[in-house]
Amino acid sequence: MPTDANTQIFGGSYGVGFNNVGSYQASARPFVKADIDVHMSSSATSDATVITFPKVTKFITVQNNSTSSANELRLAFASGGLGLKAEAGTANNYIKLAQSASFSADYRVTKIYLMGESAGCTATVIAGLTQINASHLPNSWLGEDGVGGTP
């Protein structure tokens, strides 16, 4: 049975993965979603606009494209972090973006949650994707300290 040099030297196969440094050092595959109509703040978590990435991200940028200063945008990394008003004890673990503001970070996530403070909020999401399958990260950070909500 033939084996390659890497298998003989390292005792196993080497490939992309969650803790593989090379997976994050390599150039990212671009992901762009523009003109996203963001749902307005309400009492139901399901009303959040969810952006699901096909792979684990290397970085993300979210821009509030709204034309009115009243249209602030909430960005959270778990649905429970949006701080929905009707849910008692809900954490306000979100980032608020004013009109025309943006947020960029080198985070490895598979989903982000967006919600507008008022109707008519729109956004653009730009991300760099690694080759790591989204299934290697949890679907939600819900319940993590500093992220928000309880599982």
N, C-alpha and C. Protein backbone atom coordinates (compact mmCIF):
# COMPACT_ATOMS: atom_id res chain seq x y z
N MET A 1 0.85 -1.17 0.00
CA MET A 1 0.00 0.00 0.00
C MET A 1 0.90 1.24 0.00
N PRO A 2 0.74 2.15 -0.98
CA PRO A 2 1.60 3.33 -1.05
C PRO A 2 1.22 4.35 0.03
N THR A 3 2.23 5.07 0.53
CA THR A 3 2.01 6.16 1.48
C THR A 3 2.79 7.37 0.99
N ASP A 4 2.30 8.55 1.35
CA ASP A 4 3.04 9.74 0.95
C ASP A 4 4.06 10.11 2.03
N ALA A 5 4.95 11.03 1.72
CA ALA A 5 6.03 11.41 2.63
C ALA A 5 5.50 12.02 3.92
N ASN A 6 4.41 12.82 3.84
CA ASN A 6 3.86 13.44 5.05
C ASN A 6 3.35 12.40 6.03
N THR A 7 2.69 11.37 5.54
CA THR A 7 2.17 10.33 6.41
C THR A 7 3.31 9.61 7.10
N GLN A 8 4.39 9.34 6.40
CA GLN A 8 5.52 8.64 6.99
C GLN A 8 6.22 9.50 8.03
N ILE A 9 6.38 10.80 7.78
CA ILE A 9 7.10 11.68 8.70
C ILE A 9 6.27 12.03 9.93
N PHE A 10 5.01 12.40 9.73
CA PHE A 10 4.19 12.90 10.82
C PHE A 10 3.26 11.85 11.42
N GLY A 11 3.17 10.69 10.86
CA GLY A 11 2.34 9.64 11.41
C GLY A 11 0.86 9.79 11.13
N GLY A 12 0.47 10.64 10.22
CA GLY A 12 -0.94 10.82 9.88
C GLY A 12 -1.08 11.81 8.75
N SER A 13 -2.30 12.05 8.36
CA SER A 13 -2.53 13.00 7.27
C SER A 13 -2.60 14.42 7.82
N TYR A 14 -2.33 15.36 6.96
CA TYR A 14 -2.31 16.78 7.32
C TYR A 14 -3.29 17.49 6.41
N GLY A 15 -4.21 18.25 6.98
CA GLY A 15 -5.19 18.94 6.15
C GLY A 15 -5.79 20.12 6.88
N VAL A 16 -6.77 20.75 6.26
CA VAL A 16 -7.42 21.91 6.85
C VAL A 16 -8.18 21.49 8.10
N GLY A 17 -8.30 22.42 9.03
CA GLY A 17 -9.03 22.13 10.25
C GLY A 17 -9.06 23.32 11.19
N PHE A 18 -9.87 23.20 12.22
CA PHE A 18 -10.12 24.26 13.17
C PHE A 18 -8.85 24.78 13.84
N ASN A 19 -7.96 23.91 14.25
CA ASN A 19 -6.72 24.32 14.92
C ASN A 19 -5.50 24.26 14.00
N ASN A 20 -5.72 24.25 12.72
CA ASN A 20 -4.64 24.21 11.74
C ASN A 20 -4.27 25.63 11.34
N VAL A 21 -3.09 26.08 11.73
CA VAL A 21 -2.65 27.46 11.49
C VAL A 21 -2.68 27.82 10.01
N GLY A 22 -2.25 26.91 9.18
CA GLY A 22 -2.22 27.18 7.74
C GLY A 22 -3.59 27.50 7.17
N SER A 23 -4.63 26.97 7.79
CA SER A 23 -5.99 27.25 7.32
C SER A 23 -6.34 28.72 7.43
N TYR A 24 -5.71 29.42 8.37
CA TYR A 24 -5.98 30.84 8.58
C TYR A 24 -4.92 31.73 7.93
N GLN A 25 -3.75 31.18 7.61
CA GLN A 25 -2.70 31.96 6.97
C GLN A 25 -2.92 32.08 5.46
N ALA A 26 -3.56 31.12 4.89
CA ALA A 26 -3.80 31.13 3.44
C ALA A 26 -4.80 32.24 3.08
N SER A 27 -4.75 32.69 1.85
CA SER A 27 -5.71 33.69 1.39
C SER A 27 -7.12 33.17 1.56
N ALA A 28 -8.02 34.07 1.92
CA ALA A 28 -9.41 33.71 2.15
C ALA A 28 -10.20 33.73 0.85
N ARG A 29 -11.22 32.91 0.79
CA ARG A 29 -12.16 32.92 -0.33
C ARG A 29 -13.19 34.02 -0.05
N PRO A 30 -13.44 34.92 -0.99
CA PRO A 30 -14.34 36.05 -0.72
C PRO A 30 -15.80 35.65 -0.62
N PHE A 31 -16.50 36.32 0.28
CA PHE A 31 -17.94 36.18 0.48
C PHE A 31 -18.49 37.59 0.59
N VAL A 32 -19.44 37.96 -0.26
CA VAL A 32 -20.06 39.28 -0.20
C VAL A 32 -21.56 39.12 -0.36
N LYS A 33 -22.29 39.77 0.54
CA LYS A 33 -23.74 39.80 0.44
C LYS A 33 -24.14 41.25 0.68
N ALA A 34 -24.69 41.91 -0.36
CA ALA A 34 -25.01 43.33 -0.27
C ALA A 34 -26.52 43.55 -0.28
N ASP A 35 -26.91 44.74 0.11
CA ASP A 35 -28.32 45.15 0.12
C ASP A 35 -29.20 44.18 0.90
N ILE A 36 -28.75 43.78 2.07
CA ILE A 36 -29.51 42.88 2.92
C ILE A 36 -30.58 43.69 3.65
N ASP A 37 -31.84 43.32 3.50
CA ASP A 37 -32.91 43.96 4.26
C ASP A 37 -32.90 43.35 5.66
N VAL A 38 -32.57 44.17 6.64
CA VAL A 38 -32.44 43.70 8.02
C VAL A 38 -33.77 43.89 8.73
N HIS A 39 -34.25 42.83 9.39
CA HIS A 39 -35.51 42.88 10.11
C HIS A 39 -35.43 43.86 11.27
N MET A 40 -36.55 44.47 11.56
CA MET A 40 -36.63 45.45 12.64
C MET A 40 -36.71 44.74 13.99
N SER A 41 -36.21 45.40 15.01
CA SER A 41 -36.24 44.88 16.38
C SER A 41 -37.66 44.48 16.76
N SER A 42 -37.79 43.28 17.29
CA SER A 42 -39.10 42.78 17.71
C SER A 42 -38.93 41.85 18.89
N SER A 43 -39.98 41.16 19.24
CA SER A 43 -39.93 40.31 20.43
C SER A 43 -39.50 38.87 20.13
N ALA A 44 -39.37 38.51 18.87
CA ALA A 44 -39.05 37.12 18.52
C ALA A 44 -37.65 37.00 17.95
N THR A 45 -36.84 36.12 18.53
CA THR A 45 -35.48 35.89 18.05
C THR A 45 -35.49 35.47 16.59
N SER A 46 -36.52 34.74 16.18
CA SER A 46 -36.58 34.26 14.80
C SER A 46 -36.69 35.40 13.81
N ASP A 47 -37.00 36.60 14.28
CA ASP A 47 -37.10 37.75 13.38
C ASP A 47 -35.74 38.35 13.03
N ALA A 48 -34.69 37.90 13.69
CA ALA A 48 -33.36 38.39 13.36
C ALA A 48 -32.99 37.96 11.94
N THR A 49 -32.22 38.78 11.27
CA THR A 49 -31.69 38.40 9.96
C THR A 49 -30.41 37.61 10.22
N VAL A 50 -30.39 36.36 9.78
CA VAL A 50 -29.26 35.47 10.04
C VAL A 50 -28.46 35.31 8.75
N ILE A 51 -27.17 35.57 8.84
CA ILE A 51 -26.26 35.33 7.72
C ILE A 51 -25.47 34.07 8.06
N THR A 52 -25.62 33.05 7.25
CA THR A 52 -24.93 31.78 7.47
C THR A 52 -23.83 31.63 6.43
N PHE A 53 -22.62 31.39 6.91
CA PHE A 53 -21.48 31.24 6.02
C PHE A 53 -21.27 29.76 5.69
N PRO A 54 -20.92 29.44 4.44
CA PRO A 54 -20.73 28.03 4.06
C PRO A 54 -19.46 27.41 4.66
N LYS A 55 -18.52 28.24 5.04
CA LYS A 55 -17.26 27.78 5.66
C LYS A 55 -16.98 28.66 6.87
N VAL A 56 -16.03 28.28 7.68
CA VAL A 56 -15.61 29.09 8.82
C VAL A 56 -14.92 30.35 8.29
N THR A 57 -15.25 31.50 8.89
CA THR A 57 -14.66 32.75 8.42
C THR A 57 -13.27 32.97 8.98
N LYS A 58 -12.49 33.72 8.24
CA LYS A 58 -11.18 34.20 8.68
C LYS A 58 -11.35 35.62 9.22
N PHE A 59 -12.22 36.39 8.57
CA PHE A 59 -12.55 37.75 9.01
C PHE A 59 -13.95 38.08 8.54
N ILE A 60 -14.55 39.09 9.18
CA ILE A 60 -15.85 39.59 8.75
C ILE A 60 -15.85 41.11 8.80
N THR A 61 -16.65 41.70 7.93
CA THR A 61 -16.94 43.14 7.95
C THR A 61 -18.43 43.30 7.73
N VAL A 62 -19.06 44.08 8.59
CA VAL A 62 -20.49 44.37 8.47
C VAL A 62 -20.63 45.88 8.38
N GLN A 63 -21.37 46.34 7.38
CA GLN A 63 -21.59 47.77 7.20
C GLN A 63 -23.08 48.07 7.25
N ASN A 64 -23.42 49.13 7.99
CA ASN A 64 -24.80 49.62 8.03
C ASN A 64 -24.96 50.58 6.86
N ASN A 65 -25.77 50.20 5.88
CA ASN A 65 -25.97 51.01 4.68
C ASN A 65 -27.16 51.95 4.77
N SER A 66 -27.77 52.05 5.92
CA SER A 66 -28.99 52.85 6.08
C SER A 66 -28.72 54.32 5.82
N THR A 67 -29.75 54.99 5.30
CA THR A 67 -29.62 56.41 4.96
C THR A 67 -30.16 57.31 6.06
N SER A 68 -30.79 56.75 7.07
CA SER A 68 -31.33 57.54 8.17
C SER A 68 -30.54 57.29 9.44
N SER A 69 -30.29 58.33 10.21
CA SER A 69 -29.55 58.18 11.46
C SER A 69 -30.33 57.37 12.49
N ALA A 70 -31.64 57.22 12.31
CA ALA A 70 -32.46 56.43 13.24
C ALA A 70 -32.27 54.93 13.03
N ASN A 71 -31.70 54.54 11.90
CA ASN A 71 -31.55 53.12 11.56
C ASN A 71 -30.22 52.56 12.05
N GLU A 72 -30.10 52.37 13.35
CA GLU A 72 -28.92 51.71 13.90
C GLU A 72 -29.06 50.22 13.68
N LEU A 73 -27.94 49.55 13.55
CA LEU A 73 -27.89 48.12 13.26
C LEU A 73 -27.27 47.39 14.42
N ARG A 74 -27.88 46.29 14.84
CA ARG A 74 -27.32 45.43 15.88
C ARG A 74 -26.64 44.24 15.21
N LEU A 75 -25.44 43.90 15.69
CA LEU A 75 -24.68 42.75 15.22
C LEU A 75 -24.38 41.87 16.43
N ALA A 76 -24.77 40.60 16.36
CA ALA A 76 -24.51 39.67 17.46
C ALA A 76 -23.97 38.36 16.89
N PHE A 77 -23.32 37.60 17.76
CA PHE A 77 -22.75 36.32 17.36
C PHE A 77 -23.56 35.14 17.87
N ALA A 78 -24.67 35.43 18.56
CA ALA A 78 -25.64 34.43 18.99
C ALA A 78 -27.00 35.10 19.00
N SER A 79 -28.04 34.38 18.68
CA SER A 79 -29.37 34.97 18.63
C SER A 79 -29.76 35.55 19.99
N GLY A 80 -29.33 34.94 21.08
CA GLY A 80 -29.65 35.42 22.41
C GLY A 80 -28.91 36.68 22.79
N GLY A 81 -27.93 37.08 22.02
CA GLY A 81 -27.17 38.28 22.33
C GLY A 81 -27.80 39.56 21.82
N LEU A 82 -28.89 39.46 21.06
CA LEU A 82 -29.49 40.65 20.47
C LEU A 82 -30.23 41.52 21.47
N GLY A 83 -30.47 41.01 22.67
CA GLY A 83 -31.12 41.82 23.70
C GLY A 83 -32.53 42.22 23.33
N LEU A 84 -33.31 41.27 22.89
CA LEU A 84 -34.68 41.56 22.48
C LEU A 84 -35.50 42.03 23.67
N LYS A 85 -36.24 43.09 23.49
CA LYS A 85 -36.91 43.79 24.58
C LYS A 85 -37.94 42.95 25.33
N ALA A 86 -38.62 42.06 24.67
CA ALA A 86 -39.70 41.31 25.31
C ALA A 86 -39.20 40.10 26.10
N GLU A 87 -37.94 39.77 25.99
CA GLU A 87 -37.41 38.61 26.71
C GLU A 87 -36.76 39.06 28.00
N ALA A 88 -37.33 38.64 29.11
CA ALA A 88 -36.78 39.00 30.41
C ALA A 88 -35.41 38.36 30.59
N GLY A 89 -34.47 39.12 31.10
CA GLY A 89 -33.14 38.59 31.39
C GLY A 89 -32.25 38.40 30.17
N THR A 90 -32.66 38.91 29.03
CA THR A 90 -31.86 38.76 27.82
C THR A 90 -30.67 39.71 27.88
N ALA A 91 -29.51 39.21 27.52
CA ALA A 91 -28.30 40.01 27.53
C ALA A 91 -28.25 40.94 26.32
N ASN A 92 -27.67 42.10 26.52
CA ASN A 92 -27.44 43.02 25.41
C ASN A 92 -26.00 42.87 24.97
N ASN A 93 -25.69 41.74 24.38
CA ASN A 93 -24.33 41.43 23.93
C ASN A 93 -24.26 41.56 22.42
N TYR A 94 -24.44 42.78 21.96
CA TYR A 94 -24.37 43.05 20.53
C TYR A 94 -23.57 44.32 20.31
N ILE A 95 -23.17 44.49 19.08
CA ILE A 95 -22.44 45.69 18.66
C ILE A 95 -23.44 46.54 17.90
N LYS A 96 -23.51 47.81 18.24
CA LYS A 96 -24.44 48.71 17.57
C LYS A 96 -23.67 49.55 16.56
N LEU A 97 -24.15 49.54 15.31
CA LEU A 97 -23.52 50.31 14.24
C LEU A 97 -24.44 51.45 13.81
N ALA A 98 -23.94 52.66 13.88
CA ALA A 98 -24.69 53.83 13.45
C ALA A 98 -24.77 53.85 11.92
N GLN A 99 -25.57 54.76 11.41
CA GLN A 99 -25.71 54.94 9.96
C GLN A 99 -24.33 55.08 9.32
N SER A 100 -24.10 54.34 8.26
CA SER A 100 -22.86 54.33 7.46
C SER A 100 -21.63 53.82 8.20
N ALA A 101 -21.78 53.31 9.41
CA ALA A 101 -20.65 52.77 10.16
C ALA A 101 -20.41 51.31 9.77
N SER A 102 -19.20 50.84 10.04
CA SER A 102 -18.89 49.44 9.76
C SER A 102 -18.07 48.86 10.91
N PHE A 103 -18.04 47.54 10.97
CA PHE A 103 -17.29 46.80 11.99
C PHE A 103 -16.53 45.70 11.28
N SER A 104 -15.24 45.58 11.57
CA SER A 104 -14.41 44.51 11.00
C SER A 104 -13.65 43.82 12.12
N ALA A 105 -13.51 42.51 12.00
CA ALA A 105 -12.75 41.74 12.99
C ALA A 105 -12.30 40.42 12.39
N ASP A 106 -11.21 39.90 12.93
CA ASP A 106 -10.70 38.59 12.53
C ASP A 106 -11.32 37.53 13.44
N TYR A 107 -12.55 37.16 13.14
CA TYR A 107 -13.28 36.18 13.95
C TYR A 107 -13.59 34.95 13.11
N ARG A 108 -13.52 33.78 13.74
CA ARG A 108 -13.93 32.55 13.06
C ARG A 108 -15.33 32.19 13.54
N VAL A 109 -16.27 32.44 12.67
CA VAL A 109 -17.68 32.20 12.95
C VAL A 109 -18.33 31.53 11.74
N THR A 110 -19.52 30.99 11.96
CA THR A 110 -20.29 30.41 10.86
C THR A 110 -21.62 31.11 10.67
N LYS A 111 -22.01 31.95 11.64
CA LYS A 111 -23.26 32.72 11.55
C LYS A 111 -23.09 34.04 12.25
N ILE A 112 -23.81 35.04 11.75
CA ILE A 112 -23.97 36.29 12.48
C ILE A 112 -25.44 36.65 12.45
N TYR A 113 -25.86 37.45 13.43
CA TYR A 113 -27.26 37.83 13.58
C TYR A 113 -27.35 39.35 13.50
N LEU A 114 -28.25 39.85 12.66
CA LEU A 114 -28.43 41.27 12.45
C LEU A 114 -29.86 41.67 12.77
N MET A 115 -30.02 42.86 13.34
CA MET A 115 -31.35 43.38 13.60
C MET A 115 -31.28 44.90 13.58
N GLY A 116 -32.28 45.54 12.98
CA GLY A 116 -32.33 46.99 12.91
C GLY A 116 -33.12 47.58 14.06
N GLU A 117 -32.75 48.77 14.47
CA GLU A 117 -33.49 49.46 15.53
C GLU A 117 -34.83 49.99 15.00
N SER A 118 -34.92 50.20 13.70
CA SER A 118 -36.16 50.67 13.09
C SER A 118 -36.28 50.08 11.69
N ALA A 119 -37.43 50.30 11.07
CA ALA A 119 -37.67 49.75 9.73
C ALA A 119 -36.77 50.43 8.71
N GLY A 120 -36.45 49.71 7.65
CA GLY A 120 -35.67 50.27 6.55
C GLY A 120 -34.17 50.15 6.70
N CYS A 121 -33.70 49.31 7.60
CA CYS A 121 -32.27 49.14 7.81
C CYS A 121 -31.72 48.14 6.78
N THR A 122 -30.62 48.49 6.15
CA THR A 122 -29.97 47.58 5.19
C THR A 122 -28.49 47.45 5.55
N ALA A 123 -27.90 46.35 5.11
CA ALA A 123 -26.51 46.08 5.47
C ALA A 123 -25.78 45.37 4.34
N THR A 124 -24.45 45.41 4.43
CA THR A 124 -23.58 44.63 3.56
C THR A 124 -22.67 43.82 4.47
N VAL A 125 -22.48 42.54 4.11
CA VAL A 125 -21.58 41.66 4.86
C VAL A 125 -20.50 41.18 3.91
N ILE A 126 -19.25 41.38 4.33
CA ILE A 126 -18.09 40.90 3.59
C ILE A 126 -17.32 39.99 4.52
N ALA A 127 -16.92 38.85 4.02
CA ALA A 127 -16.16 37.91 4.85
C ALA A 127 -15.12 37.22 4.00
N GLY A 128 -14.09 36.76 4.67
CA GLY A 128 -13.09 35.89 4.05
C GLY A 128 -13.30 34.50 4.61
N LEU A 129 -13.48 33.54 3.74
CA LEU A 129 -13.76 32.17 4.18
C LEU A 129 -12.51 31.30 4.10
N THR A 130 -12.33 30.49 5.12
CA THR A 130 -11.28 29.48 5.11
C THR A 130 -11.80 28.27 4.35
N GLN A 131 -11.02 27.21 4.28
CA GLN A 131 -11.48 25.97 3.68
C GLN A 131 -12.05 25.01 4.73
N ILE A 132 -12.24 25.49 5.95
CA ILE A 132 -12.75 24.67 7.05
C ILE A 132 -14.26 24.59 6.96
N ASN A 133 -14.80 23.39 6.97
CA ASN A 133 -16.25 23.21 6.92
C ASN A 133 -16.92 23.85 8.13
N ALA A 134 -18.07 24.45 7.90
CA ALA A 134 -18.81 25.12 8.96
C ALA A 134 -19.18 24.16 10.09
N SER A 135 -19.29 22.89 9.81
CA SER A 135 -19.67 21.91 10.84
C SER A 135 -18.62 21.75 11.94
N HIS A 136 -17.42 22.29 11.74
CA HIS A 136 -16.37 22.20 12.76
C HIS A 136 -16.54 23.20 13.89
N LEU A 137 -17.43 24.20 13.73
CA LEU A 137 -17.73 25.17 14.78
C LEU A 137 -19.17 24.98 15.21
N PRO A 138 -19.50 25.38 16.44
CA PRO A 138 -20.90 25.28 16.87
C PRO A 138 -21.77 26.21 16.02
N ASN A 139 -23.05 25.85 15.87
CA ASN A 139 -23.97 26.67 15.09
C ASN A 139 -24.26 28.00 15.77
N SER A 140 -24.09 28.06 17.07
CA SER A 140 -24.35 29.28 17.81
C SER A 140 -23.45 29.33 19.03
N TRP A 141 -23.07 30.52 19.40
CA TRP A 141 -22.27 30.70 20.62
C TRP A 141 -23.20 30.95 21.80
N LEU A 142 -24.49 30.69 21.64
CA LEU A 142 -25.49 30.94 22.66
C LEU A 142 -25.07 30.34 23.99
N GLY A 143 -25.09 31.16 25.03
CA GLY A 143 -24.73 30.70 26.35
C GLY A 143 -23.28 30.91 26.70
N GLU A 144 -22.45 31.28 25.75
CA GLU A 144 -21.04 31.55 26.02
C GLU A 144 -20.94 32.88 26.77
N ASP A 145 -20.04 32.97 27.72
CA ASP A 145 -19.85 34.19 28.49
C ASP A 145 -19.50 35.35 27.56
N GLY A 146 -20.25 36.43 27.67
CA GLY A 146 -20.02 37.61 26.85
C GLY A 146 -20.70 37.59 25.50
N VAL A 147 -21.39 36.49 25.18
CA VAL A 147 -22.09 36.40 23.90
C VAL A 147 -23.57 36.64 24.09
N GLY A 148 -24.16 36.07 25.13
CA GLY A 148 -25.55 36.40 25.46
C GLY A 148 -26.51 35.25 25.43
N GLY A 149 -27.50 35.39 26.27
CA GLY A 149 -28.59 34.42 26.34
C GLY A 149 -28.21 33.19 27.12
N THR A 150 -29.18 32.37 27.32
CA THR A 150 -28.96 31.08 27.98
C THR A 150 -29.42 29.98 27.06
N PRO A 151 -28.69 28.88 27.00
CA PRO A 151 -29.05 27.81 26.07
C PRO A 151 -30.35 27.15 26.45
